[in-house]
PDB file of N, CA and C in Angstrom:
ATOM      1  N   UNK A   1     113.895 161.037  61.592  1.00  0.00           N
ATOM      2  CA  UNK A   1     113.403 161.855  62.671  1.00  0.00           C
ATOM      3  C   UNK A   1     114.151 163.176  62.694  1.00  0.00           C
ATOM      4  N   UNK A   2     113.486 164.194  63.195  1.00  0.00           N
ATOM      5  CA  UNK A   2     114.061 165.532  63.227  1.00  0.00           C
ATOM      6  C   UNK A   2     113.816 166.180  64.581  1.00  0.00           C
ATOM      7  N   UNK A   3     114.520 167.240  64.870  1.00  0.00           N
ATOM      8  CA  UNK A   3     114.322 167.920  66.155  1.00  0.00           C
ATOM      9  C   UNK A   3     112.895 168.413  66.299  1.00  0.00           C
ATOM     10  N   UNK A   4     112.486 168.526  67.498  1.00  0.00           N
ATOM     11  CA  UNK A   4     111.121 168.979  67.770  1.00  0.00           C
ATOM     12  C   UNK A   4     110.927 170.411  67.303  1.00  0.00           C
ATOM     13  N   UNK A   5     109.713 170.740  66.959  1.00  0.00           N
ATOM     14  CA  UNK A   5     109.411 172.103  66.545  1.00  0.00           C
ATOM     15  C   UNK A   5     108.670 172.858  67.636  1.00  0.00           C
ATOM     16  N   UNK A   6     108.255 172.167  68.674  1.00  0.00           N
ATOM     17  CA  UNK A   6     107.545 172.840  69.767  1.00  0.00           C
ATOM     18  C   UNK A   6     108.571 173.591  70.595  1.00  0.00           C
ATOM     19  N   UNK A   7     108.599 174.902  70.448  1.00  0.00           N
ATOM     20  CA  UNK A   7     109.591 175.722  71.130  1.00  0.00           C
ATOM     21  C   UNK A   7     108.910 176.583  72.163  1.00  0.00           C
ATOM     22  N   UNK A   8     109.601 176.806  73.241  1.00  0.00           N
ATOM     23  CA  UNK A   8     109.043 177.639  74.297  1.00  0.00           C
ATOM     24  C   UNK A   8     110.170 178.343  75.021  1.00  0.00           C
ATOM     25  N   UNK A   9     109.839 179.091  76.026  1.00  0.00           N
ATOM     26  CA  UNK A   9     110.838 179.761  76.849  1.00  0.00           C
ATOM     27  C   UNK A   9     111.335 178.854  77.962  1.00  0.00           C
ATOM     28  N   UNK A  10     111.036 177.592  77.896  1.00  0.00           N
ATOM     29  CA  UNK A  10     111.461 176.680  78.949  1.00  0.00           C
ATOM     30  C   UNK A  10     112.979 176.582  78.945  1.00  0.00           C
ATOM     31  N   UNK A  11     113.575 176.223  80.080  1.00  0.00           N
ATOM     32  CA  UNK A  11     115.025 176.114  80.143  1.00  0.00           C
ATOM     33  C   UNK A  11     115.549 174.896  79.406  1.00  0.00           C
ATOM     34  N   UNK A  12     114.671 174.010  78.967  1.00  0.00           N
ATOM     35  CA  UNK A  12     115.107 172.789  78.292  1.00  0.00           C
ATOM     36  C   UNK A  12     115.008 172.938  76.788  1.00  0.00           C
ATOM     37  N   UNK A  13     115.999 172.428  76.064  1.00  0.00           N
ATOM     38  CA  UNK A  13     115.896 172.472  74.604  1.00  0.00           C
ATOM     39  C   UNK A  13     114.975 171.382  74.096  1.00  0.00           C
ATOM     40  N   UNK A  14     114.351 171.632  72.979  1.00  0.00           N
ATOM     41  CA  UNK A  14     113.614 170.572  72.290  1.00  0.00           C
ATOM     42  C   UNK A  14     114.668 169.642  71.711  1.00  0.00           C
ATOM     43  N   UNK A  15     114.385 168.361  71.633  1.00  0.00           N
ATOM     44  CA  UNK A  15     115.399 167.459  71.105  1.00  0.00           C
ATOM     45  C   UNK A  15     114.891 166.686  69.912  1.00  0.00           C
ATOM     46  N   UNK A  16     114.328 165.503  70.045  1.00  0.00           N
ATOM     47  CA  UNK A  16     114.129 164.574  68.949  1.00  0.00           C
ATOM     48  C   UNK A  16     112.668 164.209  68.832  1.00  0.00           C
ATOM     49  N   UNK A  17     112.016 164.563  67.752  1.00  0.00           N
ATOM     50  CA  UNK A  17     110.667 164.035  67.549  1.00  0.00           C
ATOM     51  C   UNK A  17     110.186 164.286  66.145  1.00  0.00           C
ATOM     52  N   UNK A  18     109.662 165.453  65.839  1.00  0.00           N
ATOM     53  CA  UNK A  18     109.035 165.681  64.543  1.00  0.00           C
ATOM     54  C   UNK A  18     109.875 166.623  63.688  1.00  0.00           C
ATOM     55  N   UNK A  19     109.613 166.686  62.390  1.00  0.00           N
ATOM     56  CA  UNK A  19     110.425 167.518  61.505  1.00  0.00           C
ATOM     57  C   UNK A  19     110.309 169.004  61.824  1.00  0.00           C
ATOM     58  N   UNK A  20     111.429 169.737  61.710  1.00  0.00           N
ATOM     59  CA  UNK A  20     111.346 171.184  61.871  1.00  0.00           C
ATOM     60  C   UNK A  20     110.585 171.760  60.686  1.00  0.00           C
ATOM     61  N   UNK A  21     110.084 172.928  60.843  1.00  0.00           N
ATOM     62  CA  UNK A  21     109.372 173.574  59.749  1.00  0.00           C
ATOM     63  C   UNK A  21     110.060 174.875  59.413  1.00  0.00           C
ATOM     64  N   UNK A  22     109.706 175.441  58.296  1.00  0.00           N
ATOM     65  CA  UNK A  22     110.314 176.711  57.900  1.00  0.00           C
ATOM     66  C   UNK A  22     109.890 177.836  58.830  1.00  0.00           C
ATOM     67  N   UNK A  23     108.847 177.599  59.638  1.00  0.00           N
ATOM     68  CA  UNK A  23     108.430 178.618  60.601  1.00  0.00           C
ATOM     69  C   UNK A  23     109.339 178.658  61.810  1.00  0.00           C
ATOM     70  N   UNK A  24     110.161 177.625  61.998  1.00  0.00           N
ATOM     71  CA  UNK A  24     110.980 177.522  63.202  1.00  0.00           C
ATOM     72  C   UNK A  24     111.815 178.762  63.472  1.00  0.00           C
ATOM     73  N   UNK A  25     112.551 179.295  62.518  1.00  0.00           N
ATOM     74  CA  UNK A  25     113.364 180.468  62.844  1.00  0.00           C
ATOM     75  C   UNK A  25     112.548 181.651  63.347  1.00  0.00           C
ATOM     76  N   UNK A  26     111.435 181.930  62.712  1.00  0.00           N
ATOM     77  CA  UNK A  26     110.609 183.053  63.166  1.00  0.00           C
ATOM     78  C   UNK A  26     110.038 182.754  64.545  1.00  0.00           C
ATOM     79  N   UNK A  27     109.578 181.548  64.725  1.00  0.00           N
ATOM     80  CA  UNK A  27     108.986 181.163  65.995  1.00  0.00           C
ATOM     81  C   UNK A  27     110.028 181.244  67.108  1.00  0.00           C
ATOM     82  N   UNK A  28     111.246 180.766  66.824  1.00  0.00           N
ATOM     83  CA  UNK A  28     112.262 180.760  67.861  1.00  0.00           C
ATOM     84  C   UNK A  28     112.690 182.175  68.228  1.00  0.00           C
ATOM     85  N   UNK A  29     112.686 183.092  67.278  1.00  0.00           N
ATOM     86  CA  UNK A  29     113.102 184.450  67.597  1.00  0.00           C
ATOM     87  C   UNK A  29     112.096 185.106  68.534  1.00  0.00           C
ATOM     88  N   UNK A  30     110.832 184.738  68.412  1.00  0.00           N
ATOM     89  CA  UNK A  30     109.817 185.291  69.309  1.00  0.00           C
ATOM     90  C   UNK A  30     109.876 184.631  70.676  1.00  0.00           C
ATOM     91  N   UNK A  31     110.147 183.346  70.694  1.00  0.00           N
ATOM     92  CA  UNK A  31     110.068 182.602  71.943  1.00  0.00           C
ATOM     93  C   UNK A  31     111.427 182.179  72.492  1.00  0.00           C
ATOM     94  N   UNK A  32     112.488 182.534  71.827  1.00  0.00           N
ATOM     95  CA  UNK A  32     113.832 182.141  72.265  1.00  0.00           C
ATOM     96  C   UNK A  32     113.928 180.628  72.443  1.00  0.00           C
ATOM     97  N   UNK A  33     113.384 179.876  71.497  1.00  0.00           N
ATOM     98  CA  UNK A  33     113.407 178.426  71.573  1.00  0.00           C
ATOM     99  C   UNK A  33     114.759 177.862  71.190  1.00  0.00           C
ATOM    100  N   UNK A  34     114.958 176.618  71.543  1.00  0.00           N
ATOM    101  CA  UNK A  34     116.220 175.941  71.279  1.00  0.00           C
ATOM    102  C   UNK A  34     115.927 174.516  70.826  1.00  0.00           C
ATOM    103  N   UNK A  35     116.763 173.995  69.951  1.00  0.00           N
ATOM    104  CA  UNK A  35     116.628 172.604  69.519  1.00  0.00           C
ATOM    105  C   UNK A  35     118.022 172.010  69.386  1.00  0.00           C
ATOM    106  N   UNK A  36     118.165 170.800  69.859  1.00  0.00           N
ATOM    107  CA  UNK A  36     119.432 170.087  69.855  1.00  0.00           C
ATOM    108  C   UNK A  36     119.192 168.731  69.215  1.00  0.00           C
ATOM    109  N   UNK A  37     119.985 168.392  68.199  1.00  0.00           N
ATOM    110  CA  UNK A  37     119.768 167.091  67.581  1.00  0.00           C
ATOM    111  C   UNK A  37     120.520 166.000  68.353  1.00  0.00           C
ATOM    112  N   UNK A  38     120.238 164.732  68.071  1.00  0.00           N
ATOM    113  CA  UNK A  38     120.838 163.639  68.843  1.00  0.00           C
ATOM    114  C   UNK A  38     122.350 163.546  68.719  1.00  0.00           C
ATOM    115  N   UNK A  39     122.918 164.209  67.743  1.00  0.00           N
ATOM    116  CA  UNK A  39     124.377 164.187  67.598  1.00  0.00           C
ATOM    117  C   UNK A  39     125.026 165.436  68.201  1.00  0.00           C
ATOM    118  N   UNK A  40     124.225 166.219  68.924  1.00  0.00           N
ATOM    119  CA  UNK A  40     124.773 167.347  69.665  1.00  0.00           C
ATOM    120  C   UNK A  40     124.838 168.656  68.916  1.00  0.00           C
ATOM    121  N   UNK A  41     124.215 168.733  67.746  1.00  0.00           N
ATOM    122  CA  UNK A  41     124.216 169.998  67.000  1.00  0.00           C
ATOM    123  C   UNK A  41     123.066 170.859  67.489  1.00  0.00           C
ATOM    124  N   UNK A  42     123.403 172.048  67.953  1.00  0.00           N
ATOM    125  CA  UNK A  42     122.390 172.991  68.400  1.00  0.00           C
ATOM    126  C   UNK A  42     121.884 173.740  67.179  1.00  0.00           C
ATOM    127  N   UNK A  43     120.590 173.672  66.920  1.00  0.00           N
ATOM    128  CA  UNK A  43     120.006 174.380  65.793  1.00  0.00           C
ATOM    129  C   UNK A  43     119.810 175.839  66.171  1.00  0.00           C
ATOM    130  N   UNK A  44     120.188 176.694  65.256  1.00  0.00           N
ATOM    131  CA  UNK A  44     120.087 178.135  65.469  1.00  0.00           C
ATOM    132  C   UNK A  44     119.421 178.766  64.258  1.00  0.00           C
ATOM    133  N   UNK A  45     119.128 180.045  64.366  1.00  0.00           N
ATOM    134  CA  UNK A  45     118.581 180.750  63.213  1.00  0.00           C
ATOM    135  C   UNK A  45     119.601 180.792  62.079  1.00  0.00           C
ATOM    136  N   UNK A  46     120.875 180.669  62.415  1.00  0.00           N
ATOM    137  CA  UNK A  46     121.916 180.704  61.387  1.00  0.00           C
ATOM    138  C   UNK A  46     122.023 179.403  60.598  1.00  0.00           C
ATOM    139  N   UNK A  47     121.620 178.274  61.191  1.00  0.00           N
ATOM    140  CA  UNK A  47     121.828 177.007  60.476  1.00  0.00           C
ATOM    141  C   UNK A  47     120.554 176.228  60.155  1.00  0.00           C
ATOM    142  N   UNK A  48     119.411 176.619  60.693  1.00  0.00           N
ATOM    143  CA  UNK A  48     118.213 175.795  60.504  1.00  0.00           C
ATOM    144  C   UNK A  48     117.738 175.780  59.054  1.00  0.00           C
ATOM    145  N   UNK A  49     117.837 176.897  58.355  1.00  0.00           N
ATOM    146  CA  UNK A  49     117.358 176.910  56.970  1.00  0.00           C
ATOM    147  C   UNK A  49     118.173 175.961  56.093  1.00  0.00           C
ATOM    148  N   UNK A  50     119.484 175.904  56.328  1.00  0.00           N
ATOM    149  CA  UNK A  50     120.329 174.966  55.579  1.00  0.00           C
ATOM    150  C   UNK A  50     119.899 173.526  55.842  1.00  0.00           C
ATOM    151  N   UNK A  51     119.603 173.190  57.094  1.00  0.00           N
ATOM    152  CA  UNK A  51     119.164 171.833  57.437  1.00  0.00           C
ATOM    153  C   UNK A  51     117.820 171.507  56.787  1.00  0.00           C
ATOM    154  N   UNK A  52     116.920 172.483  56.780  1.00  0.00           N
ATOM    155  CA  UNK A  52     115.610 172.271  56.149  1.00  0.00           C
ATOM    156  C   UNK A  52     115.750 172.064  54.647  1.00  0.00           C
ATOM    157  N   UNK A  53     116.610 172.836  54.025  1.00  0.00           N
ATOM    158  CA  UNK A  53     116.836 172.711  52.586  1.00  0.00           C
ATOM    159  C   UNK A  53     117.372 171.325  52.250  1.00  0.00           C
ATOM    160  N   UNK A  54     118.337 170.849  53.019  1.00  0.00           N
ATOM    161  CA  UNK A  54     118.899 169.517  52.787  1.00  0.00           C
ATOM    162  C   UNK A  54     117.845 168.444  53.019  1.00  0.00           C
ATOM    163  N   UNK A  55     117.064 168.575  54.089  1.00  0.00           N
ATOM    164  CA  UNK A  55     116.007 167.602  54.369  1.00  0.00           C
ATOM    165  C   UNK A  55     115.022 167.526  53.208  1.00  0.00           C
ATOM    166  N   UNK A  56     114.610 168.680  52.709  1.00  0.00           N
ATOM    167  CA  UNK A  56     113.645 168.704  51.609  1.00  0.00           C
ATOM    168  C   UNK A  56     114.238 168.142  50.326  1.00  0.00           C
ATOM    169  N   UNK A  57     115.501 168.443  50.053  1.00  0.00           N
ATOM    170  CA  UNK A  57     116.179 167.928  48.867  1.00  0.00           C
ATOM    171  C   UNK A  57     116.260 166.397  48.924  1.00  0.00           C
ATOM    172  N   UNK A  58     116.716 165.864  50.055  1.00  0.00           N
ATOM    173  CA  UNK A  58     116.833 164.408  50.178  1.00  0.00           C
ATOM    174  C   UNK A  58     115.457 163.738  50.144  1.00  0.00           C
ATOM    175  N   UNK A  59     114.452 164.385  50.724  1.00  0.00           N
ATOM    176  CA  UNK A  59     113.091 163.851  50.651  1.00  0.00           C
ATOM    177  C   UNK A  59     112.607 163.777  49.212  1.00  0.00           C
ATOM    178  N   UNK A  60     112.926 164.794  48.420  1.00  0.00           N
ATOM    179  CA  UNK A  60     112.557 164.788  47.005  1.00  0.00           C
ATOM    180  C   UNK A  60     113.242 163.667  46.249  1.00  0.00           C
ATOM    181  N   UNK A  61     114.522 163.441  46.548  1.00  0.00           N
ATOM    182  CA  UNK A  61     115.233 162.328  45.906  1.00  0.00           C
ATOM    183  C   UNK A  61     114.605 160.988  46.282  1.00  0.00           C
ATOM    184  N   UNK A  62     114.296 160.815  47.570  1.00  0.00           N
ATOM    185  CA  UNK A  62     113.676 159.555  48.004  1.00  0.00           C
ATOM    186  C   UNK A  62     112.319 159.355  47.341  1.00  0.00           C
ATOM    187  N   UNK A  63     111.540 160.428  47.220  1.00  0.00           N
ATOM    188  CA  UNK A  63     110.232 160.328  46.558  1.00  0.00           C
ATOM    189  C   UNK A  63     110.370 159.967  45.093  1.00  0.00           C
ATOM    190  N   UNK A  64     111.505 160.325  44.502  1.00  0.00           N
ATOM    191  CA  UNK A  64     111.757 159.996  43.098  1.00  0.00           C
ATOM    192  C   UNK A  64     112.351 158.595  42.943  1.00  0.00           C
ATOM    193  N   UNK A  65     112.538 157.906  44.068  1.00  0.00           N
ATOM    194  CA  UNK A  65     113.040 156.540  44.010  1.00  0.00           C
ATOM    195  C   UNK A  65     114.539 156.404  44.154  1.00  0.00           C
ATOM    196  N   UNK A  66     115.236 157.491  44.410  1.00  0.00           N
ATOM    197  CA  UNK A  66     116.688 157.441  44.588  1.00  0.00           C
ATOM    198  C   UNK A  66     116.989 156.950  46.006  1.00  0.00           C
ATOM    199  N   UNK A  67     117.885 155.994  46.112  1.00  0.00           N
ATOM    200  CA  UNK A  67     118.293 155.495  47.424  1.00  0.00           C
ATOM    201  C   UNK A  67     119.323 156.460  48.002  1.00  0.00           C
ATOM    202  N   UNK A  68     118.956 157.151  49.056  1.00  0.00           N
ATOM    203  CA  UNK A  68     119.854 158.162  49.640  1.00  0.00           C
ATOM    204  C   UNK A  68     120.563 157.668  50.884  1.00  0.00           C
ATOM    205  N   UNK A  69     120.268 156.458  51.302  1.00  0.00           N
ATOM    206  CA  UNK A  69     120.866 155.959  52.536  1.00  0.00           C
ATOM    207  C   UNK A  69     120.210 156.633  53.718  1.00  0.00           C
ATOM    208  N   UNK A  70     120.899 156.688  54.777  1.00  0.00           N
ATOM    209  CA  UNK A  70     120.368 157.319  55.976  1.00  0.00           C
ATOM    210  C   UNK A  70     121.517 157.764  56.847  1.00  0.00           C
ATOM    211  N   UNK A  71     121.207 158.220  58.024  1.00  0.00           N
ATOM    212  CA  UNK A  71     122.277 158.657  58.914  1.00  0.00           C
ATOM    213  C   UNK A  71     123.108 157.466  59.365  1.00  0.00           C
ATOM    214  N   UNK A  72     124.341 157.736  59.702  1.00  0.00           N
ATOM    215  CA  UNK A  72     125.197 156.674  60.216  1.00  0.00           C
ATOM    216  C   UNK A  72     124.692 156.257  61.598  1.00  0.00           C
ATOM    217  N   UNK A  73     125.098 155.100  62.013  1.00  0.00           N
ATOM    218  CA  UNK A  73     124.701 154.570  63.311  1.00  0.00           C
ATOM    219  C   UNK A  73     125.270 155.474  64.405  1.00  0.00           C
ATOM    220  N   UNK A  74     124.466 155.712  65.427  1.00  0.00           N
ATOM    221  CA  UNK A  74     124.930 156.530  66.551  1.00  0.00           C
ATOM    222  C   UNK A  74     126.062 155.804  67.268  1.00  0.00           C
ATOM    223  N   UNK A  75     127.166 156.484  67.405  1.00  0.00           N
ATOM    224  CA  UNK A  75     128.320 155.898  68.086  1.00  0.00           C
ATOM    225  C   UNK A  75     128.375 156.388  69.533  1.00  0.00           C
ATOM    226  N   UNK A  76     129.267 155.788  70.286  1.00  0.00           N
ATOM    227  CA  UNK A  76     129.471 156.235  71.663  1.00  0.00           C
ATOM    228  C   UNK A  76     129.914 157.697  71.680  1.00  0.00           C
ATOM    229  N   UNK A  77     130.775 158.072  70.748  1.00  0.00           N
ATOM    230  CA  UNK A  77     131.238 159.466  70.717  1.00  0.00           C
ATOM    231  C   UNK A  77     130.093 160.417  70.350  1.00  0.00           C
ATOM    232  N   UNK A  78     129.164 159.988  69.490  1.00  0.00           N
ATOM    233  CA  UNK A  78     127.987 160.813  69.176  1.00  0.00           C
ATOM    234  C   UNK A  78     127.168 161.065  70.448  1.00  0.00           C
ATOM    235  N   UNK A  79     126.957 160.014  71.214  1.00  0.00           N
ATOM    236  CA  UNK A  79     126.187 160.168  72.458  1.00  0.00           C
ATOM    237  C   UNK A  79     126.914 161.074  73.442  1.00  0.00           C
ATOM    238  N   UNK A  80     128.234 160.953  73.493  1.00  0.00           N
ATOM    239  CA  UNK A  80     129.018 161.780  74.404  1.00  0.00           C
ATOM    240  C   UNK A  80     128.973 163.250  73.986  1.00  0.00           C
ATOM    241  N   UNK A  81     129.063 163.491  72.693  1.00  0.00           N
ATOM    242  CA  UNK A  81     128.973 164.870  72.177  1.00  0.00           C
ATOM    243  C   UNK A  81     127.612 165.464  72.520  1.00  0.00           C
ATOM    244  N   UNK A  82     126.543 164.689  72.334  1.00  0.00           N
ATOM    245  CA  UNK A  82     125.207 165.160  72.679  1.00  0.00           C
ATOM    246  C   UNK A  82     125.131 165.495  74.169  1.00  0.00           C
ATOM    247  N   UNK A  83     125.589 164.571  75.004  1.00  0.00           N
ATOM    248  CA  UNK A  83     125.519 164.790  76.452  1.00  0.00           C
ATOM    249  C   UNK A  83     126.305 166.033  76.860  1.00  0.00           C
ATOM    250  N   UNK A  84     127.478 166.224  76.282  1.00  0.00           N
ATOM    251  CA  UNK A  84     128.292 167.399  76.604  1.00  0.00           C
ATOM    252  C   UNK A  84     127.611 168.686  76.163  1.00  0.00           C
ATOM    253  N   UNK A  85     127.052 168.678  74.954  1.00  0.00           N
ATOM    254  CA  UNK A  85     126.371 169.879  74.446  1.00  0.00           C
ATOM    255  C   UNK A  85     125.141 170.201  75.294  1.00  0.00           C
ATOM    256  N   UNK A  86     124.376 169.180  75.660  1.00  0.00           N
ATOM    257  CA  UNK A  86     123.207 169.395  76.508  1.00  0.00           C
ATOM    258  C   UNK A  86     123.623 169.941  77.873  1.00  0.00           C
ATOM    259  N   UNK A  87     124.684 169.388  78.429  1.00  0.00           N
ATOM    260  CA  UNK A  87     125.177 169.868  79.718  1.00  0.00           C
ATOM    261  C   UNK A  87     125.620 171.334  79.622  1.00  0.00           C
ATOM    262  N   UNK A  88     126.340 171.687  78.570  1.00  0.00           N
ATOM    263  CA  UNK A  88     126.762 173.083  78.375  1.00  0.00           C
ATOM    264  C   UNK A  88     125.551 174.001  78.248  1.00  0.00           C
ATOM    265  N   UNK A  89     124.565 173.559  77.469  1.00  0.00           N
ATOM    266  CA  UNK A  89     123.363 174.367  77.283  1.00  0.00           C
ATOM    267  C   UNK A  89     122.647 174.598  78.614  1.00  0.00           C
ATOM    268  N   UNK A  90     122.419 173.521  79.358  1.00  0.00           N
ATOM    269  CA  UNK A  90     121.701 173.642  80.624  1.00  0.00           C
ATOM    270  C   UNK A  90     122.485 174.460  81.645  1.00  0.00           C
ATOM    271  N   UNK A  91     123.803 174.322  81.644  1.00  0.00           N
ATOM    272  CA  UNK A  91     124.639 175.108  82.550  1.00  0.00           C
ATOM    273  C   UNK A  91     124.534 176.594  82.224  1.00  0.00           C
ATOM    274  N   UNK A  92     124.598 176.939  80.935  1.00  0.00           N
ATOM    275  CA  UNK A  92     124.463 178.344  80.546  1.00  0.00           C
ATOM    276  C   UNK A  92     123.110 178.891  80.958  1.00  0.00           C
ATOM    277  N   UNK A  93     122.063 178.104  80.763  1.00  0.00           N
ATOM    278  CA  UNK A  93     120.712 178.550  81.138  1.00  0.00           C
ATOM    279  C   UNK A  93     120.620 178.767  82.646  1.00  0.00           C
ATOM    280  N   UNK A  94     121.230 177.862  83.423  1.00  0.00           N
ATOM    281  CA  UNK A  94     121.175 177.959  84.880  1.00  0.00           C
ATOM    282  C   UNK A  94     121.936 179.198  85.356  1.00  0.00           C
ATOM    283  N   UNK A  95     123.083 179.488  84.766  1.00  0.00           N
ATOM    284  CA  UNK A  95     123.876 180.657  85.135  1.00  0.00           C
ATOM    285  C   UNK A  95     123.099 181.938  84.841  1.00  0.00           C
ATOM    286  N   UNK A  96     122.414 181.987  83.708  1.00  0.00           N
ATOM    287  CA  UNK A  96     121.661 183.176  83.332  1.00  0.00           C
ATOM    288  C   UNK A  96     120.416 183.401  84.184  1.00  0.00           C
ATOM    289  N   UNK A  97     119.914 182.352  84.831  1.00  0.00           N
ATOM    290  CA  UNK A  97     118.717 182.493  85.665  1.00  0.00           C
ATOM    291  C   UNK A  97     119.063 183.139  87.008  1.00  0.00           C
ATOM    292  N   UNK A  98     120.301 183.016  87.454  1.00  0.00           N
ATOM    293  CA  UNK A  98     120.671 183.532  88.789  1.00  0.00           C
ATOM    294  C   UNK A  98     121.208 184.923  88.736  1.00  0.00           C
TER     295      UNK A  98
END
């Protein structure tokens, strides 16, 4: 699973659903969209292309029959990092609205 690609000017970040696309950076620059993965990494125009490249590379290996494993199991600290990052994001958005 990958962060959502449906981006908008809403105060909430997109989180977990469908794969990002290479259009995401252009789309986000127009709409100021945000995406946060379940481990608390905020996707930005600076890092999304690297994530897409890795996703496509690993997908190619899997299609070729290479066992690539998968993500590690979500730990309590992963959930805490996500919650903290989401809280920071929402707090910043709330401060900027006033």
